[in-house]
């Protein structure tokens, strides 16, 4: 399963409820996700992102 930083499903599928959790988490951590994306592009270590509480 692949999901964009905006919560759009890019590949695969999830049950509706699980996808809602993924979208909520992505919305709360969008800046951290994008920062990690930039780190990955520079081959730098990724930082951890807190799970949905």
PDB file of N, CA and C in Angstrom:
ATOM      1  N   UNK A   1       0.845  -1.177   0.000  1.00  0.00           N
ATOM      2  CA  UNK A   1       0.000   0.000   0.000  1.00  0.00           C
ATOM      3  C   UNK A   1       0.881   1.227   0.000  1.00  0.00           C
ATOM      4  N   UNK A   2       0.577   2.167  -0.823  1.00  0.00           N
ATOM      5  CA  UNK A   2       1.274   3.448  -0.883  1.00  0.00           C
ATOM      6  C   UNK A   2       0.244   4.564  -0.766  1.00  0.00           C
ATOM      7  N   UNK A   3       0.561   5.539   0.088  1.00  0.00           N
ATOM      8  CA  UNK A   3      -0.329   6.672   0.308  1.00  0.00           C
ATOM      9  C   UNK A   3       0.512   7.945   0.207  1.00  0.00           C
ATOM     10  N   UNK A   4      -0.008   8.957  -0.465  1.00  0.00           N
ATOM     11  CA  UNK A   4       0.702  10.233  -0.570  1.00  0.00           C
ATOM     12  C   UNK A   4       0.666  10.970   0.769  1.00  0.00           C
ATOM     13  N   UNK A   5       1.464  12.010   0.867  1.00  0.00           N
ATOM     14  CA  UNK A   5       1.481  12.831   2.087  1.00  0.00           C
ATOM     15  C   UNK A   5       0.127  13.486   2.339  1.00  0.00           C
ATOM     16  N   UNK A   6      -0.698  13.588   1.298  1.00  0.00           N
ATOM     17  CA  UNK A   6      -2.037  14.165   1.430  1.00  0.00           C
ATOM     18  C   UNK A   6      -3.100  13.128   1.776  1.00  0.00           C
ATOM     19  N   UNK A   7      -2.684  11.854   1.890  1.00  0.00           N
ATOM     20  CA  UNK A   7      -3.629  10.801   2.234  1.00  0.00           C
ATOM     21  C   UNK A   7      -4.304  10.147   1.051  1.00  0.00           C
ATOM     22  N   UNK A   8      -3.824  10.426  -0.162  1.00  0.00           N
ATOM     23  CA  UNK A   8      -4.386   9.814  -1.363  1.00  0.00           C
ATOM     24  C   UNK A   8      -3.747   8.442  -1.578  1.00  0.00           C
ATOM     25  N   UNK A   9      -4.567   7.429  -1.830  1.00  0.00           N
ATOM     26  CA  UNK A   9      -4.054   6.090  -2.083  1.00  0.00           C
ATOM     27  C   UNK A   9      -3.405   6.069  -3.467  1.00  0.00           C
ATOM     28  N   UNK A  10      -2.133   5.690  -3.501  1.00  0.00           N
ATOM     29  CA  UNK A  10      -1.393   5.637  -4.759  1.00  0.00           C
ATOM     30  C   UNK A  10      -1.347   4.223  -5.324  1.00  0.00           C
ATOM     31  N   UNK A  11      -1.293   3.239  -4.443  1.00  0.00           N
ATOM     32  CA  UNK A  11      -1.243   1.839  -4.876  1.00  0.00           C
ATOM     33  C   UNK A  11      -1.768   0.968  -3.754  1.00  0.00           C
ATOM     34  N   UNK A  12      -2.450  -0.103  -4.112  1.00  0.00           N
ATOM     35  CA  UNK A  12      -2.981  -1.021  -3.121  1.00  0.00           C
ATOM     36  C   UNK A  12      -4.309  -0.541  -2.560  1.00  0.00           C
ATOM     37  N   UNK A  13      -4.702  -1.143  -1.443  1.00  0.00           N
ATOM     38  CA  UNK A  13      -5.972  -0.767  -0.829  1.00  0.00           C
ATOM     39  C   UNK A  13      -5.944  -1.066   0.663  1.00  0.00           C
ATOM     40  N   UNK A  14      -6.819  -0.407   1.370  1.00  0.00           N
ATOM     41  CA  UNK A  14      -7.023  -0.607   2.803  1.00  0.00           C
ATOM     42  C   UNK A  14      -8.515  -0.560   3.065  1.00  0.00           C
ATOM     43  N   UNK A  15      -8.923  -1.197   4.138  1.00  0.00           N
ATOM     44  CA  UNK A  15     -10.314  -1.061   4.554  1.00  0.00           C
ATOM     45  C   UNK A  15     -10.572   0.400   4.878  1.00  0.00           C
ATOM     46  N   UNK A  16     -11.798   0.823   4.708  1.00  0.00           N
ATOM     47  CA  UNK A  16     -12.158   2.233   4.877  1.00  0.00           C
ATOM     48  C   UNK A  16     -11.715   2.781   6.234  1.00  0.00           C
ATOM     49  N   UNK A  17     -11.985   2.054   7.301  1.00  0.00           N
ATOM     50  CA  UNK A  17     -11.625   2.532   8.648  1.00  0.00           C
ATOM     51  C   UNK A  17     -10.118   2.695   8.803  1.00  0.00           C
ATOM     52  N   UNK A  18      -9.344   1.737   8.300  1.00  0.00           N
ATOM     53  CA  UNK A  18      -7.888   1.822   8.384  1.00  0.00           C
ATOM     54  C   UNK A  18      -7.377   3.017   7.585  1.00  0.00           C
ATOM     55  N   UNK A  19      -7.950   3.239   6.408  1.00  0.00           N
ATOM     56  CA  UNK A  19      -7.551   4.379   5.588  1.00  0.00           C
ATOM     57  C   UNK A  19      -7.858   5.697   6.291  1.00  0.00           C
ATOM     58  N   UNK A  20      -8.948   5.765   7.017  1.00  0.00           N
ATOM     59  CA  UNK A  20      -9.265   6.972   7.782  1.00  0.00           C
ATOM     60  C   UNK A  20      -8.172   7.264   8.813  1.00  0.00           C
ATOM     61  N   UNK A  21      -7.681   6.229   9.485  1.00  0.00           N
ATOM     62  CA  UNK A  21      -6.601   6.403  10.460  1.00  0.00           C
ATOM     63  C   UNK A  21      -5.326   6.891   9.778  1.00  0.00           C
ATOM     64  N   UNK A  22      -5.006   6.302   8.629  1.00  0.00           N
ATOM     65  CA  UNK A  22      -3.818   6.716   7.883  1.00  0.00           C
ATOM     66  C   UNK A  22      -3.940   8.181   7.478  1.00  0.00           C
ATOM     67  N   UNK A  23      -5.099   8.566   6.981  1.00  0.00           N
ATOM     68  CA  UNK A  23      -5.305   9.961   6.564  1.00  0.00           C
ATOM     69  C   UNK A  23      -5.236  10.927   7.746  1.00  0.00           C
ATOM     70  N   UNK A  24      -5.792  10.523   8.879  1.00  0.00           N
ATOM     71  CA  UNK A  24      -5.721  11.380  10.072  1.00  0.00           C
ATOM     72  C   UNK A  24      -4.273  11.565  10.495  1.00  0.00           C
ATOM     73  N   UNK A  25      -3.521  10.458  10.541  1.00  0.00           N
ATOM     74  CA  UNK A  25      -2.117  10.505  10.934  1.00  0.00           C
ATOM     75  C   UNK A  25      -1.320  11.373   9.960  1.00  0.00           C
ATOM     76  N   UNK A  26      -1.532  11.181   8.665  1.00  0.00           N
ATOM     77  CA  UNK A  26      -0.811  11.955   7.652  1.00  0.00           C
ATOM     78  C   UNK A  26      -1.128  13.444   7.767  1.00  0.00           C
ATOM     79  N   UNK A  27      -2.377  13.767   8.077  1.00  0.00           N
ATOM     80  CA  UNK A  27      -2.755  15.167   8.240  1.00  0.00           C
ATOM     81  C   UNK A  27      -2.082  15.811   9.437  1.00  0.00           C
ATOM     82  N   UNK A  28      -1.944  15.053  10.507  1.00  0.00           N
ATOM     83  CA  UNK A  28      -1.301  15.569  11.718  1.00  0.00           C
ATOM     84  C   UNK A  28       0.214  15.715  11.568  1.00  0.00           C
ATOM     85  N   UNK A  29       0.803  14.916  10.690  1.00  0.00           N
ATOM     86  CA  UNK A  29       2.264  14.861  10.589  1.00  0.00           C
ATOM     87  C   UNK A  29       2.783  15.210   9.198  1.00  0.00           C
ATOM     88  N   UNK A  30       1.990  15.956   8.446  1.00  0.00           N
ATOM     89  CA  UNK A  30       2.354  16.266   7.062  1.00  0.00           C
ATOM     90  C   UNK A  30       3.729  16.907   6.953  1.00  0.00           C
ATOM     91  N   UNK A  31       4.030  17.873   7.795  1.00  0.00           N
ATOM     92  CA  UNK A  31       5.339  18.550   7.700  1.00  0.00           C
ATOM     93  C   UNK A  31       6.479  17.586   8.006  1.00  0.00           C
ATOM     94  N   UNK A  32       6.274  16.688   8.947  1.00  0.00           N
ATOM     95  CA  UNK A  32       7.311  15.703   9.272  1.00  0.00           C
ATOM     96  C   UNK A  32       7.489  14.698   8.132  1.00  0.00           C
ATOM     97  N   UNK A  33       6.396  14.310   7.507  1.00  0.00           N
ATOM     98  CA  UNK A  33       6.454  13.383   6.374  1.00  0.00           C
ATOM     99  C   UNK A  33       7.228  14.025   5.226  1.00  0.00           C
ATOM    100  N   UNK A  34       6.914  15.263   4.920  1.00  0.00           N
ATOM    101  CA  UNK A  34       7.597  15.956   3.823  1.00  0.00           C
ATOM    102  C   UNK A  34       9.071  16.182   4.143  1.00  0.00           C
ATOM    103  N   UNK A  35       9.385  16.486   5.408  1.00  0.00           N
ATOM    104  CA  UNK A  35      10.786  16.658   5.802  1.00  0.00           C
ATOM    105  C   UNK A  35      11.547  15.342   5.632  1.00  0.00           C
ATOM    106  N   UNK A  36      10.930  14.228   6.009  1.00  0.00           N
ATOM    107  CA  UNK A  36      11.569  12.927   5.822  1.00  0.00           C
ATOM    108  C   UNK A  36      11.728  12.605   4.339  1.00  0.00           C
ATOM    109  N   UNK A  37      10.777  13.004   3.515  1.00  0.00           N
ATOM    110  CA  UNK A  37      10.887  12.788   2.078  1.00  0.00           C
ATOM    111  C   UNK A  37      12.138  13.491   1.542  1.00  0.00           C
ATOM    112  N   UNK A  38      12.342  14.734   1.977  1.00  0.00           N
ATOM    113  CA  UNK A  38      13.533  15.477   1.554  1.00  0.00           C
ATOM    114  C   UNK A  38      14.809  14.810   2.072  1.00  0.00           C
ATOM    115  N   UNK A  39      14.791  14.316   3.302  1.00  0.00           N
ATOM    116  CA  UNK A  39      15.950  13.603   3.843  1.00  0.00           C
ATOM    117  C   UNK A  39      16.245  12.360   3.007  1.00  0.00           C
ATOM    118  N   UNK A  40      15.207  11.622   2.657  1.00  0.00           N
ATOM    119  CA  UNK A  40      15.385  10.409   1.851  1.00  0.00           C
ATOM    120  C   UNK A  40      15.995  10.750   0.488  1.00  0.00           C
ATOM    121  N   UNK A  41      15.554  11.831  -0.105  1.00  0.00           N
ATOM    122  CA  UNK A  41      16.096  12.239  -1.410  1.00  0.00           C
ATOM    123  C   UNK A  41      17.577  12.581  -1.317  1.00  0.00           C
ATOM    124  N   UNK A  42      18.024  13.041  -0.139  1.00  0.00           N
ATOM    125  CA  UNK A  42      19.439  13.379   0.072  1.00  0.00           C
ATOM    126  C   UNK A  42      20.216  12.207   0.685  1.00  0.00           C
ATOM    127  N   UNK A  43      19.577  11.030   0.750  1.00  0.00           N
ATOM    128  CA  UNK A  43      20.191   9.828   1.347  1.00  0.00           C
ATOM    129  C   UNK A  43      20.612  10.053   2.797  1.00  0.00           C
ATOM    130  N   UNK A  44      19.839  10.843   3.522  1.00  0.00           N
ATOM    131  CA  UNK A  44      20.073  11.088   4.939  1.00  0.00           C
ATOM    132  C   UNK A  44      19.164  10.182   5.764  1.00  0.00           C
ATOM    133  N   UNK A  45      19.543   9.896   7.005  1.00  0.00           N
ATOM    134  CA  UNK A  45      18.682   9.072   7.859  1.00  0.00           C
ATOM    135  C   UNK A  45      17.329   9.760   8.098  1.00  0.00           C
ATOM    136  N   UNK A  46      16.294   8.960   8.169  1.00  0.00           N
ATOM    137  CA  UNK A  46      14.952   9.487   8.437  1.00  0.00           C
ATOM    138  C   UNK A  46      14.739   9.629   9.935  1.00  0.00           C
ATOM    139  N   UNK A  47      13.931  10.592  10.301  1.00  0.00           N
ATOM    140  CA  UNK A  47      13.559  10.792  11.699  1.00  0.00           C
ATOM    141  C   UNK A  47      12.264  10.053  11.984  1.00  0.00           C
ATOM    142  N   UNK A  48      12.129   9.562  13.199  1.00  0.00           N
ATOM    143  CA  UNK A  48      10.900   8.886  13.588  1.00  0.00           C
ATOM    144  C   UNK A  48       9.723   9.849  13.654  1.00  0.00           C
ATOM    145  N   UNK A  49       8.550   9.329  13.387  1.00  0.00           N
ATOM    146  CA  UNK A  49       7.319  10.125  13.475  1.00  0.00           C
ATOM    147  C   UNK A  49       6.390   9.380  14.434  1.00  0.00           C
ATOM    148  N   UNK A  50       5.867  10.107  15.397  1.00  0.00           N
ATOM    149  CA  UNK A  50       4.994   9.500  16.397  1.00  0.00           C
ATOM    150  C   UNK A  50       3.774   8.851  15.773  1.00  0.00           C
ATOM    151  N   UNK A  51       3.342   7.729  16.339  1.00  0.00           N
ATOM    152  CA  UNK A  51       2.118   7.077  15.856  1.00  0.00           C
ATOM    153  C   UNK A  51       0.887   7.876  16.282  1.00  0.00           C
ATOM    154  N   UNK A  52      -0.251   7.509  15.730  1.00  0.00           N
ATOM    155  CA  UNK A  52      -1.524   8.100  16.121  1.00  0.00           C
ATOM    156  C   UNK A  52      -1.850   7.643  17.529  1.00  0.00           C
ATOM    157  N   UNK A  53      -2.107   8.578  18.403  1.00  0.00           N
ATOM    158  CA  UNK A  53      -2.364   8.226  19.806  1.00  0.00           C
ATOM    159  C   UNK A  53      -3.812   7.883  20.042  1.00  0.00           C
TER     160      UNK A  53
END
